[in-house]
Protein backbone atom coordinates (compact mmCIF):
# COMPACT_ATOMS: atom_id res chain seq x y z
CA UNK A 1 27.46 -67.13 32.72
CA UNK A 2 30.04 -64.46 33.60
CA UNK A 3 29.81 -60.81 32.61
CA UNK A 4 32.61 -58.27 33.03
CA UNK A 5 32.68 -54.49 33.21
CA UNK A 6 35.87 -52.39 33.26
CA UNK A 7 36.19 -48.90 34.68
CA UNK A 8 38.87 -46.42 35.69
CA UNK A 9 40.46 -45.48 32.39
CA UNK A 10 41.25 -41.94 31.39
CA UNK A 11 43.86 -39.43 30.26
CA UNK A 12 47.04 -39.37 32.33
CA UNK A 13 50.38 -37.61 31.91
CA UNK A 14 53.58 -39.67 31.65
CA UNK A 15 54.71 -40.82 35.07
CA UNK A 16 51.18 -40.73 36.42
CA UNK A 17 49.07 -43.50 37.91
CA UNK A 18 45.67 -45.08 37.36
CA UNK A 19 43.70 -47.90 38.92
CA UNK A 20 41.50 -49.98 36.68
CA UNK A 21 38.68 -52.11 38.05
CA UNK A 22 36.92 -55.12 36.57
CA UNK A 23 33.63 -56.15 38.15
CA UNK A 24 32.41 -59.67 37.43
CA UNK A 25 28.80 -60.74 37.72
CA UNK A 26 26.98 -64.02 37.27
CA UNK A 27 28.64 -67.28 38.30
CA UNK A 28 31.66 -65.61 39.87
CA UNK A 29 32.60 -68.69 41.89
CA UNK A 30 33.21 -70.52 38.63
CA UNK A 31 36.04 -68.15 37.69
CA UNK A 32 39.44 -69.85 37.59
CA UNK A 33 41.58 -66.91 36.54
CA UNK A 34 41.23 -63.31 35.47
CA UNK A 35 43.49 -61.16 33.38
CA UNK A 36 44.09 -57.78 31.82
CA UNK A 37 44.81 -57.40 28.12
CA UNK A 38 45.39 -54.28 26.07
CA UNK A 39 45.08 -53.37 22.43
CA UNK A 40 46.46 -50.29 20.70
CA UNK A 41 45.18 -49.18 17.27
CA UNK A 42 46.56 -51.45 14.55
CA UNK A 43 47.98 -53.88 17.10
CA UNK A 44 46.93 -57.27 18.41
CA UNK A 45 45.43 -57.73 21.84
CA UNK A 46 48.29 -58.55 24.21
CA UNK A 47 48.44 -59.94 27.72
CA UNK A 48 49.21 -57.44 30.47
CA UNK A 49 48.71 -59.46 33.65
CA UNK A 50 46.95 -62.58 34.89
CA UNK A 51 45.89 -63.61 38.39
CA UNK A 52 44.65 -67.10 39.24
CA UNK A 53 42.08 -68.11 41.80
CA UNK A 54 45.01 -69.11 44.01
CA UNK A 55 46.56 -65.66 43.79
CA UNK A 56 49.48 -66.39 41.47
CA UNK A 57 50.32 -63.53 39.11
CA UNK A 58 52.00 -63.20 35.74
CA UNK A 59 53.05 -59.94 34.06
CA UNK A 60 54.22 -58.91 30.65
CA UNK A 61 57.85 -57.80 30.69
CA UNK A 62 56.83 -54.34 29.52
CA UNK A 63 54.80 -53.66 32.68
CA UNK A 64 56.65 -55.71 35.28
CA UNK A 65 57.61 -53.57 38.25
CA UNK A 66 55.15 -50.83 37.32
CA UNK A 67 51.76 -52.58 37.28
CA UNK A 68 50.19 -54.67 40.02
CA UNK A 69 47.17 -56.95 39.59
CA UNK A 70 45.02 -57.89 42.56
CA UNK A 71 41.58 -59.32 43.19
CA UNK A 72 38.79 -59.76 45.69
CA UNK A 73 37.53 -63.28 45.02
CA UNK A 74 34.50 -62.92 47.28
CA UNK A 75 32.97 -60.23 45.08
CA UNK A 76 34.63 -61.17 41.80
CA UNK A 77 36.49 -57.88 41.35
CA UNK A 78 39.96 -57.52 39.82
CA UNK A 79 42.15 -54.42 39.89
CA UNK A 80 45.13 -53.20 37.93
CA UNK A 81 47.26 -50.59 39.68
CA UNK A 82 49.31 -48.79 37.05
CA UNK A 83 52.24 -46.63 38.10
CA UNK A 84 54.95 -44.77 36.18
CA UNK A 85 52.79 -44.75 33.09
CA UNK A 86 54.42 -44.31 29.70
CA UNK A 87 53.00 -43.19 26.35
CA UNK A 88 53.45 -46.75 25.07
CA UNK A 89 50.93 -47.89 27.69
CA UNK A 90 48.22 -46.12 25.70
CA UNK A 91 45.62 -48.68 24.67
CA UNK A 92 42.16 -50.02 25.31
CA UNK A 93 42.40 -52.26 28.36
CA UNK A 94 40.17 -55.34 28.48
CA UNK A 95 39.24 -57.57 31.36
CA UNK A 96 39.13 -61.32 30.80
CA UNK A 97 37.86 -64.19 32.93
CA UNK A 98 38.35 -67.91 32.41
CA UNK A 99 35.54 -69.83 34.05
CA UNK A 100 34.26 -73.37 34.31
CA UNK A 101 30.89 -74.27 32.82
CA UNK A 102 30.32 -77.95 33.42
CA UNK A 103 33.47 -79.70 32.23
CA UNK A 104 34.33 -76.90 29.82
CA UNK A 105 36.52 -73.84 30.34
CA UNK A 106 35.22 -70.70 28.68
CA UNK A 107 36.29 -67.06 28.47
CA UNK A 108 34.42 -63.80 28.91
CA UNK A 109 35.55 -60.32 27.92
CA UNK A 110 34.60 -56.86 29.06
CA UNK A 111 33.94 -54.02 26.64
CA UNK A 112 37.23 -52.26 27.37
CA UNK A 113 38.30 -48.99 28.94
CA UNK A 114 40.56 -46.43 27.24
CA UNK A 115 43.87 -45.46 28.85
CA UNK A 116 45.71 -42.58 27.22
CA UNK A 117 49.14 -41.49 28.47
CA UNK A 118 50.12 -38.15 26.99
CA UNK A 119 51.35 -34.69 27.89
């Protein structure tokens, strides 16, 4: 019902910036919230930021003040503006969408985009 595709990852030096994009396709008007998660090798997939259809945002403490999540509901696109990047931000970043299918809430995931912060 909803498909996601991330882009914008790459290699960045500490203190640098990146903007990730997540393009949703399919039943985009059924999306209730979207979020960014990240997973480093040997680690679990952790929440980075969430934005609801109403525009409310939630951030992990580790990125608060440095990352900003935004979205364009009309085209189903979500962004993650990452500033003051640190080596510990290195991970595969995944886009997630929670959407309504009938009376059921389901989740879709993108394939991930690699962010590497290193000198």
